[in-house]
C-alpha atoms as a PDB file:
ATOM      1  CA  MET A   1      92.636  41.546 -43.911  1.00  0.00           C
ATOM      2  CA  SER A   2      90.290  44.535 -43.772  1.00  0.00           C
ATOM      3  CA  LEU A   3      86.662  43.491 -44.191  1.00  0.00           C
ATOM      4  CA  PRO A   4      83.432  45.487 -44.640  1.00  0.00           C
ATOM      5  CA  HIS A   5      81.842  46.639 -41.376  1.00  0.00           C
ATOM      6  CA  SER A   6      78.882  44.279 -41.893  1.00  0.00           C
ATOM      7  CA  ILE A   7      81.142  41.198 -41.668  1.00  0.00           C
ATOM      8  CA  HIS A   8      81.628  39.946 -38.087  1.00  0.00           C
ATOM      9  CA  VAL A   9      84.162  37.205 -37.333  1.00  0.00           C
ATOM     10  CA  VAL A  10      83.371  35.400 -34.067  1.00  0.00           C
ATOM     11  CA  THR A  11      86.715  34.707 -32.386  1.00  0.00           C
ATOM     12  CA  HIS A  12      85.444  32.915 -29.278  1.00  0.00           C
ATOM     13  CA  PRO A  13      87.859  30.058 -28.414  1.00  0.00           C
ATOM     14  CA  LEU A  14      85.105  27.410 -28.556  1.00  0.00           C
ATOM     15  CA  VAL A  15      84.069  28.568 -32.026  1.00  0.00           C
ATOM     16  CA  GLN A  16      87.659  28.502 -33.268  1.00  0.00           C
ATOM     17  CA  HIS A  17      88.325  25.063 -31.762  1.00  0.00           C
ATOM     18  CA  LYS A  18      85.221  23.557 -33.340  1.00  0.00           C
ATOM     19  CA  LEU A  19      86.042  25.124 -36.697  1.00  0.00           C
ATOM     20  CA  SER A  20      89.524  23.586 -36.637  1.00  0.00           C
ATOM     21  CA  LYS A  21      88.032  20.157 -35.928  1.00  0.00           C
ATOM     22  CA  MET A  22      85.609  20.649 -38.838  1.00  0.00           C
ATOM     23  CA  ARG A  23      88.446  21.582 -41.190  1.00  0.00           C
ATOM     24  CA  ASP A  24      90.307  18.330 -40.421  1.00  0.00           C
ATOM     25  CA  LYS A  25      89.691  15.844 -43.259  1.00  0.00           C
ATOM     26  CA  GLU A  26      89.885  12.974 -40.743  1.00  0.00           C
ATOM     27  CA  THR A  27      86.746  14.194 -38.933  1.00  0.00           C
ATOM     28  CA  SER A  28      83.905  11.742 -39.571  1.00  0.00           C
ATOM     29  CA  SER A  29      80.477  12.743 -40.864  1.00  0.00           C
ATOM     30  CA  THR A  30      79.030  11.970 -37.441  1.00  0.00           C
ATOM     31  CA  ASN A  31      81.416  14.337 -35.703  1.00  0.00           C
ATOM     32  CA  PHE A  32      81.186  16.934 -38.477  1.00  0.00           C
ATOM     33  CA  ARG A  33      77.397  16.947 -38.046  1.00  0.00           C
ATOM     34  CA  ARG A  34      77.709  17.380 -34.280  1.00  0.00           C
ATOM     35  CA  LEU A  35      80.286  20.153 -34.594  1.00  0.00           C
ATOM     36  CA  LEU A  36      78.194  22.008 -37.167  1.00  0.00           C
ATOM     37  CA  ARG A  37      75.203  21.944 -34.844  1.00  0.00           C
ATOM     38  CA  GLU A  38      77.304  23.155 -31.902  1.00  0.00           C
ATOM     39  CA  ILE A  39      78.971  25.952 -33.848  1.00  0.00           C
ATOM     40  CA  GLY A  40      75.544  26.987 -35.139  1.00  0.00           C
ATOM     41  CA  LEU A  41      74.356  27.490 -31.575  1.00  0.00           C
ATOM     42  CA  LEU A  42      77.423  29.572 -30.688  1.00  0.00           C
ATOM     43  CA  LEU A  43      77.194  31.744 -33.814  1.00  0.00           C
ATOM     44  CA  GLY A  44      73.459  32.128 -33.245  1.00  0.00           C
ATOM     45  CA  TYR A  45      74.112  33.308 -29.690  1.00  0.00           C
ATOM     46  CA  ASP A  46      76.373  36.066 -31.014  1.00  0.00           C
ATOM     47  CA  ALA A  47      73.987  37.029 -33.813  1.00  0.00           C
ATOM     48  CA  THR A  48      70.988  37.380 -31.489  1.00  0.00           C
ATOM     49  CA  ARG A  49      72.617  39.534 -28.804  1.00  0.00           C
ATOM     50  CA  ASP A  50      70.723  42.640 -29.999  1.00  0.00           C
ATOM     51  CA  LEU A  51      67.206  41.175 -30.032  1.00  0.00           C
ATOM     52  CA  PRO A  52      64.853  43.705 -28.420  1.00  0.00           C
ATOM     53  CA  LEU A  53      63.559  43.059 -24.914  1.00  0.00           C
ATOM     54  CA  VAL A  54      60.471  44.314 -23.127  1.00  0.00           C
ATOM     55  CA  GLU A  55      59.659  44.157 -19.413  1.00  0.00           C
ATOM     56  CA  ARG A  56      56.675  42.033 -18.384  1.00  0.00           C
ATOM     57  CA  ASP A  57      55.082  41.327 -15.014  1.00  0.00           C
ATOM     58  CA  ILE A  58      55.877  37.880 -13.637  1.00  0.00           C
ATOM     59  CA  THR A  59      55.817  36.321 -10.193  1.00  0.00           C
ATOM     60  CA  THR A  60      58.763  34.380  -8.836  1.00  0.00           C
ATOM     61  CA  PRO A  61      58.339  31.960  -5.896  1.00  0.00           C
ATOM     62  CA  ILE A  62      59.278  34.944  -3.711  1.00  0.00           C
ATOM     63  CA  GLU A  63      57.502  38.019  -5.142  1.00  0.00           C
ATOM     64  CA  ALA A  64      56.202  39.845  -8.208  1.00  0.00           C
ATOM     65  CA  MET A  65      58.674  41.626 -10.481  1.00  0.00           C
ATOM     66  CA  LYS A  66      59.149  43.103 -13.929  1.00  0.00           C
ATOM     67  CA  ALA A  67      61.327  40.772 -15.997  1.00  0.00           C
ATOM     68  CA  PRO A  68      62.927  41.150 -19.452  1.00  0.00           C
ATOM     69  CA  LEU A  69      61.426  38.985 -22.200  1.00  0.00           C
ATOM     70  CA  LEU A  70      61.849  39.000 -25.962  1.00  0.00           C
ATOM     71  CA  GLU A  71      59.703  41.615 -27.629  1.00  0.00           C
ATOM     72  CA  GLY A  72      57.589  40.950 -30.684  1.00  0.00           C
ATOM     73  CA  LYS A  73      57.122  37.883 -32.830  1.00  0.00           C
ATOM     74  CA  LYS A  74      59.493  34.947 -32.848  1.00  0.00           C
ATOM     75  CA  LEU A  75      62.461  34.534 -35.165  1.00  0.00           C
ATOM     76  CA  VAL A  76      62.402  32.851 -38.541  1.00  0.00           C
ATOM     77  CA  ILE A  77      65.387  30.641 -39.319  1.00  0.00           C
ATOM     78  CA  VAL A  78      65.962  30.044 -43.025  1.00  0.00           C
ATOM     79  CA  PRO A  79      68.533  27.400 -43.971  1.00  0.00           C
ATOM     80  CA  ILE A  80      69.773  27.320 -47.556  1.00  0.00           C
ATOM     81  CA  LEU A  81      69.344  23.708 -48.624  1.00  0.00           C
ATOM     82  CA  ARG A  82      70.949  21.373 -48.173  1.00  0.00           C
ATOM     83  CA  ALA A  83      73.953  22.078 -45.966  1.00  0.00           C
ATOM     84  CA  GLY A  84      72.186  24.906 -44.155  1.00  0.00           C
ATOM     85  CA  LEU A  85      70.007  22.331 -42.406  1.00  0.00           C
ATOM     86  CA  GLY A  86      72.870  21.210 -40.185  1.00  0.00           C
ATOM     87  CA  LEU A  87      73.704  24.766 -39.150  1.00  0.00           C
ATOM     88  CA  ALA A  88      70.025  25.595 -38.551  1.00  0.00           C
ATOM     89  CA  GLU A  89      69.709  22.784 -36.005  1.00  0.00           C
ATOM     90  CA  GLY A  90      72.052  24.562 -33.618  1.00  0.00           C
ATOM     91  CA  ILE A  91      70.199  27.852 -33.932  1.00  0.00           C
ATOM     92  CA  ILE A  92      66.886  26.078 -33.327  1.00  0.00           C
ATOM     93  CA  ASP A  93      68.403  24.548 -30.171  1.00  0.00           C
ATOM     94  CA  LEU A  94      69.041  28.128 -29.045  1.00  0.00           C
ATOM     95  CA  VAL A  95      65.594  29.458 -30.047  1.00  0.00           C
ATOM     96  CA  PRO A  96      63.272  26.416 -30.103  1.00  0.00           C
ATOM     97  CA  LEU A  97      60.105  28.456 -30.735  1.00  0.00           C
ATOM     98  CA  ALA A  98      61.496  29.933 -33.952  1.00  0.00           C
ATOM     99  CA  ARG A  99      59.690  29.314 -37.195  1.00  0.00           C
ATOM    100  CA  VAL A 100      61.613  27.754 -40.074  1.00  0.00           C
ATOM    101  CA  GLY A 101      61.574  28.614 -43.763  1.00  0.00           C
ATOM    102  CA  HIS A 102      63.563  26.932 -46.522  1.00  0.00           C
ATOM    103  CA  VAL A 103      65.379  28.126 -49.627  1.00  0.00           C
ATOM    104  CA  GLY A 104      66.557  25.477 -52.069  1.00  0.00           C
ATOM    105  CA  LEU A 105      69.506  26.545 -54.211  1.00  0.00           C
ATOM    106  CA  TYR A 106      72.242  24.695 -56.057  1.00  0.00           C
ATOM    107  CA  ARG A 107      75.349  26.062 -57.696  1.00  0.00           C
ATOM    108  CA  ASP A 108      75.623  25.541 -61.441  1.00  0.00           C
ATOM    109  CA  PRO A 109      79.009  23.784 -61.821  1.00  0.00           C
ATOM    110  CA  LYS A 110      79.856  25.704 -65.011  1.00  0.00           C
ATOM    111  CA  THR A 111      78.737  29.247 -64.165  1.00  0.00           C
ATOM    112  CA  LEU A 112      78.931  28.930 -60.340  1.00  0.00           C
ATOM    113  CA  GLN A 113      75.642  30.884 -60.287  1.00  0.00           C
ATOM    114  CA  ALA A 114      72.827  29.973 -57.872  1.00  0.00           C
ATOM    115  CA  VAL A 115      69.769  28.191 -59.284  1.00  0.00           C
ATOM    116  CA  GLU A 116      66.605  28.153 -57.143  1.00  0.00           C
ATOM    117  CA  TYR A 117      64.461  25.019 -56.926  1.00  0.00           C
ATOM    118  CA  TYR A 118      62.476  25.563 -53.684  1.00  0.00           C
ATOM    119  CA  PHE A 119      61.214  28.497 -51.626  1.00  0.00           C
ATOM    120  CA  LYS A 120      58.857  28.277 -48.627  1.00  0.00           C
ATOM    121  CA  ILE A 121      58.692  30.821 -45.793  1.00  0.00           C
ATOM    122  CA  PRO A 122      56.121  32.024 -43.198  1.00  0.00           C
ATOM    123  CA  GLN A 123      53.580  34.488 -44.599  1.00  0.00           C
ATOM    124  CA  ASP A 124      54.221  37.160 -41.961  1.00  0.00           C
ATOM    125  CA  ILE A 125      57.948  37.356 -42.700  1.00  0.00           C
ATOM    126  CA  SER A 126      57.881  41.169 -42.728  1.00  0.00           C
ATOM    127  CA  ASP A 127      57.032  41.217 -39.006  1.00  0.00           C
ATOM    128  CA  ARG A 128      59.862  38.898 -37.953  1.00  0.00           C
ATOM    129  CA  ASP A 129      63.622  38.895 -37.562  1.00  0.00           C
ATOM    130  CA  VAL A 130      65.145  36.478 -40.058  1.00  0.00           C
ATOM    131  CA  ILE A 131      68.362  34.480 -39.744  1.00  0.00           C
ATOM    132  CA  VAL A 132      69.603  32.913 -42.981  1.00  0.00           C
ATOM    133  CA  CYS A 133      72.153  30.139 -42.522  1.00  0.00           C
ATOM    134  CA  ASP A 134      74.536  28.308 -44.828  1.00  0.00           C
ATOM    135  CA  PRO A 135      77.868  26.837 -43.709  1.00  0.00           C
ATOM    136  CA  MET A 136      79.841  28.337 -46.603  1.00  0.00           C
ATOM    137  CA  LEU A 137      80.005  31.838 -48.066  1.00  0.00           C
ATOM    138  CA  ALA A 138      82.252  31.058 -51.024  1.00  0.00           C
ATOM    139  CA  THR A 139      81.309  33.012 -54.158  1.00  0.00           C
ATOM    140  CA  ALA A 140      78.284  34.385 -52.215  1.00  0.00           C
ATOM    141  CA  HIS A 141      75.992  33.777 -55.205  1.00  0.00           C
ATOM    142  CA  SER A 142      73.660  31.503 -53.207  1.00  0.00           C
ATOM    143  CA  ALA A 143      73.606  33.797 -50.172  1.00  0.00           C
ATOM    144  CA  ILE A 144      72.870  36.858 -52.314  1.00  0.00           C
ATOM    145  CA  ALA A 145      70.110  35.028 -54.211  1.00  0.00           C
ATOM    146  CA  ALA A 146      68.501  33.799 -50.978  1.00  0.00           C
ATOM    147  CA  VAL A 147      68.496  37.251 -49.375  1.00  0.00           C
ATOM    148  CA  ASP A 148      67.200  38.781 -52.618  1.00  0.00           C
ATOM    149  CA  ARG A 149      64.191  36.432 -52.508  1.00  0.00           C
ATOM    150  CA  LEU A 150      63.542  37.090 -48.831  1.00  0.00           C
ATOM    151  CA  LYS A 151      63.591  40.843 -49.355  1.00  0.00           C
ATOM    152  CA  GLU A 152      61.257  40.475 -52.341  1.00  0.00           C
ATOM    153  CA  SER A 153      58.913  38.553 -50.014  1.00  0.00           C
ATOM    154  CA  GLY A 154      58.893  41.372 -47.467  1.00  0.00           C
ATOM    155  CA  ALA A 155      61.682  40.488 -45.021  1.00  0.00           C
ATOM    156  CA  LYS A 156      63.127  43.660 -43.502  1.00  0.00           C
ATOM    157  CA  ARG A 157      65.440  42.522 -40.688  1.00  0.00           C
ATOM    158  CA  ILE A 158      67.849  39.850 -41.913  1.00  0.00           C
ATOM    159  CA  LYS A 159      71.115  38.396 -40.625  1.00  0.00           C
ATOM    160  CA  PHE A 160      73.318  35.781 -42.271  1.00  0.00           C
ATOM    161  CA  ILE A 161      75.235  33.094 -40.384  1.00  0.00           C
ATOM    162  CA  CYS A 162      77.953  30.946 -41.922  1.00  0.00           C
ATOM    163  CA  VAL A 163      80.798  28.859 -40.568  1.00  0.00           C
ATOM    164  CA  LEU A 164      83.336  29.896 -43.158  1.00  0.00           C
ATOM    165  CA  GLY A 165      83.584  32.542 -45.865  1.00  0.00           C
ATOM    166  CA  SER A 166      86.067  33.648 -48.474  1.00  0.00           C
ATOM    167  CA  GLU A 167      87.278  37.224 -48.621  1.00  0.00           C
ATOM    168  CA  GLN A 168      85.888  37.471 -52.148  1.00  0.00           C
ATOM    169  CA  GLY A 169      82.484  36.136 -51.080  1.00  0.00           C
ATOM    170  CA  ALA A 170      82.296  38.345 -47.998  1.00  0.00           C
ATOM    171  CA  ARG A 171      83.022  41.461 -50.041  1.00  0.00           C
ATOM    172  CA  ALA A 172      80.575  40.470 -52.792  1.00  0.00           C
ATOM    173  CA  PHE A 173      77.786  39.857 -50.283  1.00  0.00           C
ATOM    174  CA  ALA A 174      78.440  43.102 -48.385  1.00  0.00           C
ATOM    175  CA  GLU A 175      78.418  45.078 -51.621  1.00  0.00           C
ATOM    176  CA  VAL A 176      74.944  43.836 -52.593  1.00  0.00           C
ATOM    177  CA  HIS A 177      73.445  43.600 -49.088  1.00  0.00           C
ATOM    178  CA  PRO A 178      75.344  46.051 -46.846  1.00  0.00           C
ATOM    179  CA  ASP A 179      72.342  46.142 -44.482  1.00  0.00           C
ATOM    180  CA  VAL A 180      72.592  42.411 -43.683  1.00  0.00           C
ATOM    181  CA  PRO A 181      75.154  41.573 -40.961  1.00  0.00           C
ATOM    182  CA  VAL A 182      77.197  38.418 -41.537  1.00  0.00           C
ATOM    183  CA  PHE A 183      78.432  36.298 -38.619  1.00  0.00           C
ATOM    184  CA  ALA A 184      81.207  33.825 -39.459  1.00  0.00           C
ATOM    185  CA  ALA A 185      83.745  31.735 -37.591  1.00  0.00           C
ATOM    186  CA  ALA A 186      86.463  32.675 -40.104  1.00  0.00           C
ATOM    187  CA  ILE A 187      87.079  34.347 -43.458  1.00  0.00           C
ATOM    188  CA  ASP A 188      89.696  32.570 -45.590  1.00  0.00           C
ATOM    189  CA  ALA A 189      91.781  34.405 -48.153  1.00  0.00           C
ATOM    190  CA  LYS A 190      90.811  32.883 -51.477  1.00  0.00           C
ATOM    191  CA  LEU A 191      88.822  30.530 -53.732  1.00  0.00           C
ATOM    192  CA  ASN A 192      90.197  27.878 -56.073  1.00  0.00           C
ATOM    193  CA  ASP A 193      89.191  27.430 -59.724  1.00  0.00           C
ATOM    194  CA  HIS A 194      86.169  25.357 -58.702  1.00  0.00           C
ATOM    195  CA  GLY A 195      84.824  28.007 -56.342  1.00  0.00           C
ATOM    196  CA  TYR A 196      85.872  26.187 -53.160  1.00  0.00           C
ATOM    197  CA  ILE A 197      87.230  28.132 -50.188  1.00  0.00           C
ATOM    198  CA  VAL A 198      90.978  27.650 -49.569  1.00  0.00           C
ATOM    199  CA  PRO A 199      92.090  26.232 -47.162  1.00  0.00           C
ATOM    200  CA  GLY A 200      88.409  25.793 -46.307  1.00  0.00           C
ATOM    201  CA  LEU A 201      86.883  22.545 -45.115  1.00  0.00           C
ATOM    202  CA  GLY A 202      85.728  20.899 -48.339  1.00  0.00           C
ATOM    203  CA  ASP A 203      82.092  20.472 -49.397  1.00  0.00           C
ATOM    204  CA  ALA A 204      80.037  21.033 -46.233  1.00  0.00           C
ATOM    205  CA  GLY A 205      76.978  19.212 -47.595  1.00  0.00           C
ATOM    206  CA  ASP A 206      78.915  16.101 -48.589  1.00  0.00           C
ATOM    207  CA  ARG A 207      80.743  16.020 -45.265  1.00  0.00           C
ATOM    208  CA  LEU A 208      77.531  16.618 -43.334  1.00  0.00           C
ATOM    209  CA  PHE A 209      75.530  13.868 -45.035  1.00  0.00           C
ATOM    210  CA  GLY A 210      78.347  11.475 -45.954  1.00  0.00           C
ATOM    211  CA  THR A 211      77.578  11.655 -49.662  1.00  0.00           C
ATOM    212  CA  LYS A 212      81.178  11.737 -50.889  1.00  0.00           C
END
């Protein structure tokens, strides 16, 4: 499977192990929630490896030195409601001082198009690196709509983190937003007639919150 250059599949053994446990239909909501948080931290680690650093003067217990610290304003993490909340928790564990915005979208069951019902982000979004997170990149309609809104609001440096994508969704997203890197644990080959990723892991929101 040849994917666009902006799509990055994280093949770390821990990521792949946790994804396999999440795929298993016997995994409980409690364990699914824990695994989603853990995989969010690991994907976030990979996605933030290029954050800029600047040297600052500090003093250790031994002597003064110049030490590397993150440059500029803190990250903004933007989960797509509702399932994105579980993935965002892991990224917040990694960067606890990050600010958090929210985008509320649901998928129309007939058209599979994204419908927005909530949007709240920090005012200075243009000065910050933004990480959008949603466990699934299926049709990519929700991801595209969320990034569209963030760009309209001034966001300039955006990354997208998901647990699982479809090849169709990955290509659709990269075509519209080629400047937004995507970090995923895996890209599956296809979607079914209902827009679910196959073999996938089911509905991430229902499995996360135990609503089905």
